[in-house]
């Protein structure tokens, strides 16, 4: 029987070498290891079309920081668009109505099927939606229907109907760094079926594709920045969504990850351009 070694996902040898110490409530710029600020993030985002901000879904502090990053980018003069892993493409119209202030919160949650398609308490995410509504920012549904992901995970990409396959890019399964991140997040035990990894790739390919398709059909300028709000696993180490955006545009996104813990912890410099420490939720 082949054994697998469990590896800390935050200490993978991908990208920049070495690690930095991260404490709760502190932003660290990973290349220098120095304490940073939201203004530093906004400055680092100058010239970037994409900023990816990772989260632990059930940590309210992570979502507060995501909201702060979005607000800092807006206040720096950027034209901010926010895309969500939590909302699926078919619900874009409902998201537009919310953005325009035409839905109450309960109406919005019902129309985007929040409870059945995502499930985490909306209160965790309310700070982000409050910021986008306060400043009139555009919002984008990034995810594809969950049954697409489940189908690929069970029986492979080719088992999707032809009309569904036409709505997403071909799956690029060649990224070994992404596989390393995925395996580490799986506890060092790669899944028995390659279809499980293919489902993860579909998730990332589709969200990158959704962002690019939105930008292709909406007015943008050199101040436009597209902020992706998604789980850390989709953005850490510049893999997942970021790698696919870079492959298709030639431009590297700015990556920010949020790391939970009540004590200082070590995080690989390659995990993101900035790491934000957030307290553990109990």
C-alpha atoms as a PDB file:
ATOM      1  CA  UNK A   1       0.000   0.000   0.000  1.00  0.00           C
ATOM      2  CA  UNK A   2       1.351   3.405  -0.974  1.00  0.00           C
ATOM      3  CA  UNK A   3       1.498   5.884   1.896  1.00  0.00           C
ATOM      4  CA  UNK A   4       0.950   9.619   1.625  1.00  0.00           C
ATOM      5  CA  UNK A   5       2.599  12.328   3.689  1.00  0.00           C
ATOM      6  CA  UNK A   6       0.305  15.003   5.053  1.00  0.00           C
ATOM      7  CA  UNK A   7       1.731  18.409   4.209  1.00  0.00           C
ATOM      8  CA  UNK A   8       0.698  21.758   5.675  1.00  0.00           C
ATOM      9  CA  UNK A   9      -1.058  23.554   2.785  1.00  0.00           C
ATOM     10  CA  UNK A  10       0.347  26.860   4.038  1.00  0.00           C
ATOM     11  CA  UNK A  11       3.971  25.707   3.825  1.00  0.00           C
ATOM     12  CA  UNK A  12       4.224  24.310   0.310  1.00  0.00           C
ATOM     13  CA  UNK A  13       7.392  24.878  -1.712  1.00  0.00           C
ATOM     14  CA  UNK A  14       5.687  26.756  -4.535  1.00  0.00           C
ATOM     15  CA  UNK A  15       6.854  30.132  -5.798  1.00  0.00           C
ATOM     16  CA  UNK A  16       8.989  32.324  -3.556  1.00  0.00           C
ATOM     17  CA  UNK A  17      11.156  30.427  -1.091  1.00  0.00           C
ATOM     18  CA  UNK A  18      10.949  30.755   2.664  1.00  0.00           C
ATOM     19  CA  UNK A  19       8.160  31.736   5.015  1.00  0.00           C
ATOM     20  CA  UNK A  20       6.830  34.710   6.940  1.00  0.00           C
ATOM     21  CA  UNK A  21       5.322  35.020  10.424  1.00  0.00           C
ATOM     22  CA  UNK A  22       1.680  36.101  10.445  1.00  0.00           C
ATOM     23  CA  UNK A  23      -0.262  37.222  13.538  1.00  0.00           C
ATOM     24  CA  UNK A  24      -4.026  37.728  13.919  1.00  0.00           C
ATOM     25  CA  UNK A  25      -5.149  41.169  12.766  1.00  0.00           C
ATOM     26  CA  UNK A  26      -1.951  41.829  10.815  1.00  0.00           C
ATOM     27  CA  UNK A  27      -1.338  42.172   7.076  1.00  0.00           C
ATOM     28  CA  UNK A  28       2.035  40.890   5.892  1.00  0.00           C
ATOM     29  CA  UNK A  29       3.616  41.554   2.502  1.00  0.00           C
ATOM     30  CA  UNK A  30       5.206  38.187   1.826  1.00  0.00           C
ATOM     31  CA  UNK A  31       8.271  39.144  -0.200  1.00  0.00           C
ATOM     32  CA  UNK A  32       9.644  41.516   2.428  1.00  0.00           C
ATOM     33  CA  UNK A  33       7.924  39.937   5.428  1.00  0.00           C
ATOM     34  CA  UNK A  34       6.988  43.426   6.598  1.00  0.00           C
ATOM     35  CA  UNK A  35       3.775  44.500   8.284  1.00  0.00           C
ATOM     36  CA  UNK A  36       1.574  46.236   5.739  1.00  0.00           C
ATOM     37  CA  UNK A  37      -1.681  48.155   5.451  1.00  0.00           C
ATOM     38  CA  UNK A  38      -4.769  48.292   3.276  1.00  0.00           C
ATOM     39  CA  UNK A  39      -3.196  51.283   1.523  1.00  0.00           C
ATOM     40  CA  UNK A  40      -0.176  49.086   0.717  1.00  0.00           C
ATOM     41  CA  UNK A  41      -2.501  46.523  -0.860  1.00  0.00           C
ATOM     42  CA  UNK A  42      -4.175  49.236  -2.937  1.00  0.00           C
ATOM     43  CA  UNK A  43      -0.764  50.493  -4.095  1.00  0.00           C
ATOM     44  CA  UNK A  44       0.355  46.973  -4.980  1.00  0.00           C
ATOM     45  CA  UNK A  45      -2.828  46.590  -7.060  1.00  0.00           C
ATOM     46  CA  UNK A  46      -1.942  49.545  -9.295  1.00  0.00           C
ATOM     47  CA  UNK A  47      -1.764  48.239 -12.854  1.00  0.00           C
ATOM     48  CA  UNK A  48      -3.402  44.919 -11.947  1.00  0.00           C
ATOM     49  CA  UNK A  49      -6.692  43.947 -13.545  1.00  0.00           C
ATOM     50  CA  UNK A  50      -7.446  41.221 -11.018  1.00  0.00           C
ATOM     51  CA  UNK A  51      -7.209  41.012  -7.241  1.00  0.00           C
ATOM     52  CA  UNK A  52      -8.046  37.664  -5.647  1.00  0.00           C
ATOM     53  CA  UNK A  53      -9.016  37.675  -1.950  1.00  0.00           C
ATOM     54  CA  UNK A  54      -9.239  34.261  -0.306  1.00  0.00           C
ATOM     55  CA  UNK A  55     -11.320  33.242   2.688  1.00  0.00           C
ATOM     56  CA  UNK A  56     -12.179  30.500   5.104  1.00  0.00           C
ATOM     57  CA  UNK A  57     -15.896  30.349   4.455  1.00  0.00           C
ATOM     58  CA  UNK A  58     -17.055  30.162   8.080  1.00  0.00           C
ATOM     59  CA  UNK A  59     -14.737  32.850   9.493  1.00  0.00           C
ATOM     60  CA  UNK A  60     -16.496  36.237   9.816  1.00  0.00           C
ATOM     61  CA  UNK A  61     -13.175  38.044  10.305  1.00  0.00           C
ATOM     62  CA  UNK A  62     -12.007  36.873   6.875  1.00  0.00           C
ATOM     63  CA  UNK A  63     -15.078  38.423   5.274  1.00  0.00           C
ATOM     64  CA  UNK A  64     -14.591  41.677   7.141  1.00  0.00           C
ATOM     65  CA  UNK A  65     -11.090  41.870   5.689  1.00  0.00           C
ATOM     66  CA  UNK A  66     -12.393  41.085   2.207  1.00  0.00           C
ATOM     67  CA  UNK A  67     -14.812  44.000   2.566  1.00  0.00           C
ATOM     68  CA  UNK A  68     -11.974  46.250   3.770  1.00  0.00           C
ATOM     69  CA  UNK A  69      -9.824  45.351   0.763  1.00  0.00           C
ATOM     70  CA  UNK A  70     -12.680  46.127  -1.619  1.00  0.00           C
ATOM     71  CA  UNK A  71     -13.310  49.464   0.104  1.00  0.00           C
ATOM     72  CA  UNK A  72      -9.603  50.354   0.052  1.00  0.00           C
ATOM     73  CA  UNK A  73      -9.418  49.694  -3.681  1.00  0.00           C
ATOM     74  CA  UNK A  74     -12.497  51.853  -4.265  1.00  0.00           C
ATOM     75  CA  UNK A  75     -11.113  54.684  -2.142  1.00  0.00           C
ATOM     76  CA  UNK A  76      -7.840  54.529  -4.067  1.00  0.00           C
ATOM     77  CA  UNK A  77      -9.744  55.542  -7.194  1.00  0.00           C
ATOM     78  CA  UNK A  78     -10.234  52.151  -8.789  1.00  0.00           C
ATOM     79  CA  UNK A  79     -13.427  51.158 -10.579  1.00  0.00           C
ATOM     80  CA  UNK A  80     -14.129  47.976  -8.631  1.00  0.00           C
ATOM     81  CA  UNK A  81     -16.107  44.960  -9.824  1.00  0.00           C
ATOM     82  CA  UNK A  82     -16.652  42.129  -7.341  1.00  0.00           C
ATOM     83  CA  UNK A  83     -17.106  38.496  -8.375  1.00  0.00           C
ATOM     84  CA  UNK A  84     -18.407  35.799  -6.033  1.00  0.00           C
ATOM     85  CA  UNK A  85     -17.726  32.087  -5.788  1.00  0.00           C
ATOM     86  CA  UNK A  86     -20.926  31.900  -3.707  1.00  0.00           C
ATOM     87  CA  UNK A  87     -23.330  32.797  -6.510  1.00  0.00           C
ATOM     88  CA  UNK A  88     -23.950  30.803  -9.682  1.00  0.00           C
ATOM     89  CA  UNK A  89     -24.117  32.173 -13.214  1.00  0.00           C
ATOM     90  CA  UNK A  90     -27.876  31.616 -13.695  1.00  0.00           C
ATOM     91  CA  UNK A  91     -28.512  34.004 -10.784  1.00  0.00           C
ATOM     92  CA  UNK A  92     -26.718  36.972 -12.387  1.00  0.00           C
ATOM     93  CA  UNK A  93     -29.998  38.781 -13.118  1.00  0.00           C
ATOM     94  CA  UNK A  94     -31.050  38.575  -9.464  1.00  0.00           C
ATOM     95  CA  UNK A  95     -27.605  39.832  -8.469  1.00  0.00           C
ATOM     96  CA  UNK A  96     -28.050  42.765 -10.865  1.00  0.00           C
ATOM     97  CA  UNK A  97     -31.398  43.607  -9.259  1.00  0.00           C
ATOM     98  CA  UNK A  98     -29.732  43.545  -5.841  1.00  0.00           C
ATOM     99  CA  UNK A  99     -26.960  45.812  -7.094  1.00  0.00           C
ATOM    100  CA  UNK A 100     -29.573  48.276  -8.354  1.00  0.00           C
ATOM    101  CA  UNK A 101     -31.344  48.245  -4.992  1.00  0.00           C
ATOM    102  CA  UNK A 102     -34.491  46.622  -6.344  1.00  0.00           C
ATOM    103  CA  UNK A 103     -34.529  43.644  -3.992  1.00  0.00           C
ATOM    104  CA  UNK A 104     -34.726  43.404  -0.243  1.00  0.00           C
ATOM    105  CA  UNK A 105     -32.210  41.104   1.405  1.00  0.00           C
ATOM    106  CA  UNK A 106     -34.746  38.271   1.877  1.00  0.00           C
ATOM    107  CA  UNK A 107     -35.862  38.583  -1.760  1.00  0.00           C
ATOM    108  CA  UNK A 108     -32.258  38.535  -2.920  1.00  0.00           C
ATOM    109  CA  UNK A 109     -31.380  35.455  -0.889  1.00  0.00           C
ATOM    110  CA  UNK A 110     -34.411  33.613  -2.208  1.00  0.00           C
ATOM    111  CA  UNK A 111     -33.764  34.491  -5.845  1.00  0.00           C
ATOM    112  CA  UNK A 112     -30.069  33.507  -5.767  1.00  0.00           C
ATOM    113  CA  UNK A 113     -30.953  30.306  -3.866  1.00  0.00           C
ATOM    114  CA  UNK A 114     -28.363  31.209  -1.257  1.00  0.00           C
ATOM    115  CA  UNK A 115     -29.324  28.591   1.291  1.00  0.00           C
ATOM    116  CA  UNK A 116     -29.476  25.642  -1.109  1.00  0.00           C
ATOM    117  CA  UNK A 117     -26.639  26.564  -3.470  1.00  0.00           C
ATOM    118  CA  UNK A 118     -24.164  27.877  -0.877  1.00  0.00           C
ATOM    119  CA  UNK A 119     -25.458  27.253   2.633  1.00  0.00           C
ATOM    120  CA  UNK A 120     -23.133  29.355   4.788  1.00  0.00           C
ATOM    121  CA  UNK A 121     -24.878  32.028   6.833  1.00  0.00           C
ATOM    122  CA  UNK A 122     -25.365  35.136   4.707  1.00  0.00           C
ATOM    123  CA  UNK A 123     -24.536  37.218   7.762  1.00  0.00           C
ATOM    124  CA  UNK A 124     -20.914  36.180   7.324  1.00  0.00           C
ATOM    125  CA  UNK A 125     -20.873  37.826   3.892  1.00  0.00           C
ATOM    126  CA  UNK A 126     -23.068  40.836   4.636  1.00  0.00           C
ATOM    127  CA  UNK A 127     -20.084  43.223   5.135  1.00  0.00           C
ATOM    128  CA  UNK A 128     -19.001  42.576   1.546  1.00  0.00           C
ATOM    129  CA  UNK A 129     -22.452  43.173   0.107  1.00  0.00           C
ATOM    130  CA  UNK A 130     -22.879  46.260   2.306  1.00  0.00           C
ATOM    131  CA  UNK A 131     -19.691  47.750   0.870  1.00  0.00           C
ATOM    132  CA  UNK A 132     -20.641  47.035  -2.733  1.00  0.00           C
ATOM    133  CA  UNK A 133     -24.097  48.540  -2.207  1.00  0.00           C
ATOM    134  CA  UNK A 134     -22.698  51.572  -0.351  1.00  0.00           C
ATOM    135  CA  UNK A 135     -20.437  52.473  -3.266  1.00  0.00           C
ATOM    136  CA  UNK A 136     -22.639  51.206  -6.095  1.00  0.00           C
ATOM    137  CA  UNK A 137     -20.113  48.590  -7.220  1.00  0.00           C
ATOM    138  CA  UNK A 138     -20.895  46.003  -9.870  1.00  0.00           C
ATOM    139  CA  UNK A 139     -21.313  42.391  -8.737  1.00  0.00           C
ATOM    140  CA  UNK A 140     -20.748  39.202 -10.732  1.00  0.00           C
ATOM    141  CA  UNK A 141     -21.899  35.616 -10.218  1.00  0.00           C
ATOM    142  CA  UNK A 142     -18.804  33.498 -10.923  1.00  0.00           C
ATOM    143  CA  UNK A 143     -19.778  29.940 -10.158  1.00  0.00           C
ATOM    144  CA  UNK A 144     -21.442  27.362 -12.370  1.00  0.00           C
ATOM    145  CA  UNK A 145     -24.328  25.173 -11.185  1.00  0.00           C
ATOM    146  CA  UNK A 146     -23.247  22.706  -8.533  1.00  0.00           C
ATOM    147  CA  UNK A 147     -24.710  19.777 -10.435  1.00  0.00           C
ATOM    148  CA  UNK A 148     -22.117  20.396 -13.170  1.00  0.00           C
ATOM    149  CA  UNK A 149     -19.354  20.058 -10.582  1.00  0.00           C
ATOM    150  CA  UNK A 150     -20.927  16.959  -9.044  1.00  0.00           C
ATOM    151  CA  UNK A 151     -21.346  15.303 -12.445  1.00  0.00           C
ATOM    152  CA  UNK A 152     -17.702  15.841 -13.358  1.00  0.00           C
ATOM    153  CA  UNK A 153     -16.589  14.586  -9.948  1.00  0.00           C
ATOM    154  CA  UNK A 154     -18.537  11.362 -10.410  1.00  0.00           C
ATOM    155  CA  UNK A 155     -18.267  10.535 -14.100  1.00  0.00           C
ATOM    156  CA  UNK A 156     -15.864  13.001 -15.731  1.00  0.00           C
ATOM    157  CA  UNK A 157     -16.057  16.121 -17.884  1.00  0.00           C
ATOM    158  CA  UNK A 158     -17.114  14.255 -21.018  1.00  0.00           C
ATOM    159  CA  UNK A 159     -20.271  13.084 -19.264  1.00  0.00           C
ATOM    160  CA  UNK A 160     -21.628  16.644 -19.205  1.00  0.00           C
ATOM    161  CA  UNK A 161     -24.165  17.430 -21.950  1.00  0.00           C
ATOM    162  CA  UNK A 162     -22.623  18.982 -25.040  1.00  0.00           C
ATOM    163  CA  UNK A 163     -24.418  22.302 -24.506  1.00  0.00           C
ATOM    164  CA  UNK A 164     -22.994  22.508 -20.985  1.00  0.00           C
ATOM    165  CA  UNK A 165     -19.437  21.697 -22.088  1.00  0.00           C
ATOM    166  CA  UNK A 166     -19.723  24.518 -24.619  1.00  0.00           C
ATOM    167  CA  UNK A 167     -20.231  27.017 -21.780  1.00  0.00           C
ATOM    168  CA  UNK A 168     -16.866  26.430 -20.105  1.00  0.00           C
ATOM    169  CA  UNK A 169     -13.260  26.184 -21.329  1.00  0.00           C
ATOM    170  CA  UNK A 170     -11.573  22.814 -21.854  1.00  0.00           C
ATOM    171  CA  UNK A 171     -10.059  21.566 -18.612  1.00  0.00           C
ATOM    172  CA  UNK A 172      -6.300  22.006 -18.315  1.00  0.00           C
ATOM    173  CA  UNK A 173      -5.182  19.291 -15.881  1.00  0.00           C
ATOM    174  CA  UNK A 174      -1.452  19.797 -16.453  1.00  0.00           C
ATOM    175  CA  UNK A 175      -0.581  22.179 -13.597  1.00  0.00           C
ATOM    176  CA  UNK A 176       1.502  20.187 -11.121  1.00  0.00           C
ATOM    177  CA  UNK A 177       1.658  23.074  -8.641  1.00  0.00           C
ATOM    178  CA  UNK A 178      -2.121  23.231  -8.563  1.00  0.00           C
ATOM    179  CA  UNK A 179      -2.257  19.476  -8.015  1.00  0.00           C
ATOM    180  CA  UNK A 180       0.147  19.866  -5.089  1.00  0.00           C
ATOM    181  CA  UNK A 181      -2.108  22.496  -3.499  1.00  0.00           C
ATOM    182  CA  UNK A 182      -5.185  20.344  -4.094  1.00  0.00           C
ATOM    183  CA  UNK A 183      -3.563  17.234  -2.618  1.00  0.00           C
ATOM    184  CA  UNK A 184      -2.358  19.140   0.443  1.00  0.00           C
ATOM    185  CA  UNK A 185      -5.864  20.485   1.039  1.00  0.00           C
ATOM    186  CA  UNK A 186      -7.134  16.910   0.727  1.00  0.00           C
ATOM    187  CA  UNK A 187      -4.917  15.974   3.666  1.00  0.00           C
ATOM    188  CA  UNK A 188      -2.116  14.485   1.592  1.00  0.00           C
ATOM    189  CA  UNK A 189      -4.373  11.761   0.214  1.00  0.00           C
ATOM    190  CA  UNK A 190      -5.070  12.289  -3.495  1.00  0.00           C
ATOM    191  CA  UNK A 191      -8.570  11.111  -4.425  1.00  0.00           C
ATOM    192  CA  UNK A 192      -8.958   7.638  -5.859  1.00  0.00           C
ATOM    193  CA  UNK A 193     -10.642   8.964  -8.977  1.00  0.00           C
ATOM    194  CA  UNK A 194      -9.020  11.590 -11.226  1.00  0.00           C
ATOM    195  CA  UNK A 195     -12.528  12.920 -11.788  1.00  0.00           C
ATOM    196  CA  UNK A 196     -12.469  14.538  -8.339  1.00  0.00           C
ATOM    197  CA  UNK A 197      -9.481  16.640  -9.354  1.00  0.00           C
ATOM    198  CA  UNK A 198     -11.142  17.403 -12.698  1.00  0.00           C
ATOM    199  CA  UNK A 199     -14.165  18.737 -10.807  1.00  0.00           C
ATOM    200  CA  UNK A 200     -11.903  21.119  -8.874  1.00  0.00           C
ATOM    201  CA  UNK A 201     -10.326  22.294 -12.116  1.00  0.00           C
ATOM    202  CA  UNK A 202     -13.762  22.873 -13.635  1.00  0.00           C
ATOM    203  CA  UNK A 203     -14.622  25.022 -10.616  1.00  0.00           C
ATOM    204  CA  UNK A 204     -11.521  27.182 -11.129  1.00  0.00           C
ATOM    205  CA  UNK A 205     -11.685  27.295 -14.937  1.00  0.00           C
ATOM    206  CA  UNK A 206     -15.351  28.299 -14.821  1.00  0.00           C
ATOM    207  CA  UNK A 207     -14.864  31.111 -12.306  1.00  0.00           C
ATOM    208  CA  UNK A 208     -11.965  32.569 -14.277  1.00  0.00           C
ATOM    209  CA  UNK A 209     -14.051  32.228 -17.429  1.00  0.00           C
ATOM    210  CA  UNK A 210     -17.033  33.988 -15.810  1.00  0.00           C
ATOM    211  CA  UNK A 211     -14.862  36.958 -14.839  1.00  0.00           C
ATOM    212  CA  UNK A 212     -13.371  37.282 -18.318  1.00  0.00           C
ATOM    213  CA  UNK A 213     -16.739  36.977 -20.027  1.00  0.00           C
ATOM    214  CA  UNK A 214     -18.174  39.691 -17.807  1.00  0.00           C
ATOM    215  CA  UNK A 215     -15.295  42.042 -18.576  1.00  0.00           C
ATOM    216  CA  UNK A 216     -15.752  41.368 -22.289  1.00  0.00           C
ATOM    217  CA  UNK A 217     -19.354  42.576 -22.230  1.00  0.00           C
ATOM    218  CA  UNK A 218     -19.215  45.504 -19.805  1.00  0.00           C
ATOM    219  CA  UNK A 219     -17.613  48.971 -19.986  1.00  0.00           C
ATOM    220  CA  UNK A 220     -14.127  49.022 -18.444  1.00  0.00           C
ATOM    221  CA  UNK A 221     -11.200  51.431 -18.337  1.00  0.00           C
ATOM    222  CA  UNK A 222      -7.631  51.490 -17.080  1.00  0.00           C
ATOM    223  CA  UNK A 223      -8.901  52.004 -13.525  1.00  0.00           C
ATOM    224  CA  UNK A 224     -11.075  48.886 -13.582  1.00  0.00           C
ATOM    225  CA  UNK A 225     -10.107  46.129 -11.161  1.00  0.00           C
ATOM    226  CA  UNK A 226     -11.968  42.838 -10.817  1.00  0.00           C
ATOM    227  CA  UNK A 227     -11.936  41.486  -7.263  1.00  0.00           C
ATOM    228  CA  UNK A 228     -12.589  37.763  -6.878  1.00  0.00           C
ATOM    229  CA  UNK A 229     -14.001  36.659  -3.516  1.00  0.00           C
ATOM    230  CA  UNK A 230     -13.450  32.901  -3.129  1.00  0.00           C
ATOM    231  CA  UNK A 231     -12.151  30.221  -0.810  1.00  0.00           C
ATOM    232  CA  UNK A 232      -8.422  30.226  -0.100  1.00  0.00           C
ATOM    233  CA  UNK A 233      -8.086  26.920  -1.926  1.00  0.00           C
ATOM    234  CA  UNK A 234      -9.098  28.592  -5.181  1.00  0.00           C
ATOM    235  CA  UNK A 235      -6.520  31.396  -4.947  1.00  0.00           C
ATOM    236  CA  UNK A 236      -3.543  30.380  -2.778  1.00  0.00           C
ATOM    237  CA  UNK A 237      -0.090  30.164  -4.383  1.00  0.00           C
ATOM    238  CA  UNK A 238      -1.448  31.938  -7.478  1.00  0.00           C
ATOM    239  CA  UNK A 239      -2.920  28.641  -8.609  1.00  0.00           C
ATOM    240  CA  UNK A 240      -6.590  27.832  -9.137  1.00  0.00           C
ATOM    241  CA  UNK A 241      -8.390  30.872 -10.537  1.00  0.00           C
ATOM    242  CA  UNK A 242      -5.282  33.059 -10.732  1.00  0.00           C
ATOM    243  CA  UNK A 243      -3.255  30.637 -12.835  1.00  0.00           C
ATOM    244  CA  UNK A 244      -6.103  30.355 -15.318  1.00  0.00           C
ATOM    245  CA  UNK A 245      -6.596  34.103 -15.542  1.00  0.00           C
ATOM    246  CA  UNK A 246      -2.876  34.580 -16.118  1.00  0.00           C
ATOM    247  CA  UNK A 247      -2.801  31.860 -18.768  1.00  0.00           C
ATOM    248  CA  UNK A 248      -5.583  33.511 -20.736  1.00  0.00           C
ATOM    249  CA  UNK A 249      -4.603  37.171 -20.281  1.00  0.00           C
ATOM    250  CA  UNK A 250      -0.848  37.118 -19.746  1.00  0.00           C
ATOM    251  CA  UNK A 251      -1.378  39.188 -16.605  1.00  0.00           C
ATOM    252  CA  UNK A 252      -0.713  37.982 -13.066  1.00  0.00           C
ATOM    253  CA  UNK A 253      -3.402  38.787 -10.479  1.00  0.00           C
ATOM    254  CA  UNK A 254      -2.585  40.176  -7.050  1.00  0.00           C
ATOM    255  CA  UNK A 255      -3.298  37.420  -4.525  1.00  0.00           C
ATOM    256  CA  UNK A 256      -4.347  37.933  -0.912  1.00  0.00           C
ATOM    257  CA  UNK A 257      -5.071  35.052   1.468  1.00  0.00           C
ATOM    258  CA  UNK A 258      -6.557  35.054   4.976  1.00  0.00           C
ATOM    259  CA  UNK A 259      -5.070  32.640   7.509  1.00  0.00           C
ATOM    260  CA  UNK A 260      -6.906  31.709  10.715  1.00  0.00           C
ATOM    261  CA  UNK A 261      -5.132  31.296  14.027  1.00  0.00           C
ATOM    262  CA  UNK A 262      -4.941  32.758  17.511  1.00  0.00           C
ATOM    263  CA  UNK A 263      -1.149  32.651  17.622  1.00  0.00           C
ATOM    264  CA  UNK A 264       1.499  33.731  15.099  1.00  0.00           C
ATOM    265  CA  UNK A 265       1.925  31.154  12.366  1.00  0.00           C
ATOM    266  CA  UNK A 266       4.356  30.560   9.537  1.00  0.00           C
ATOM    267  CA  UNK A 267       3.092  30.878   5.978  1.00  0.00           C
ATOM    268  CA  UNK A 268       5.016  30.262   2.774  1.00  0.00           C
ATOM    269  CA  UNK A 269       6.024  33.378   0.876  1.00  0.00           C
ATOM    270  CA  UNK A 270       4.533  31.780  -2.196  1.00  0.00           C
ATOM    271  CA  UNK A 271       1.038  31.490  -0.672  1.00  0.00           C
ATOM    272  CA  UNK A 272       0.078  34.989  -1.741  1.00  0.00           C
ATOM    273  CA  UNK A 273       1.357  38.498  -2.307  1.00  0.00           C
ATOM    274  CA  UNK A 274      -0.211  39.467   1.017  1.00  0.00           C
ATOM    275  CA  UNK A 275      -1.310  37.320   3.943  1.00  0.00           C
ATOM    276  CA  UNK A 276      -3.839  38.576   6.481  1.00  0.00           C
ATOM    277  CA  UNK A 277      -4.009  36.890   9.875  1.00  0.00           C
ATOM    278  CA  UNK A 278      -7.519  36.442  11.270  1.00  0.00           C
ATOM    279  CA  UNK A 279      -8.549  35.047  14.676  1.00  0.00           C
ATOM    280  CA  UNK A 280      -9.931  31.538  14.838  1.00  0.00           C
ATOM    281  CA  UNK A 281     -13.703  31.360  15.234  1.00  0.00           C
ATOM    282  CA  UNK A 282     -15.015  29.091  17.974  1.00  0.00           C
END
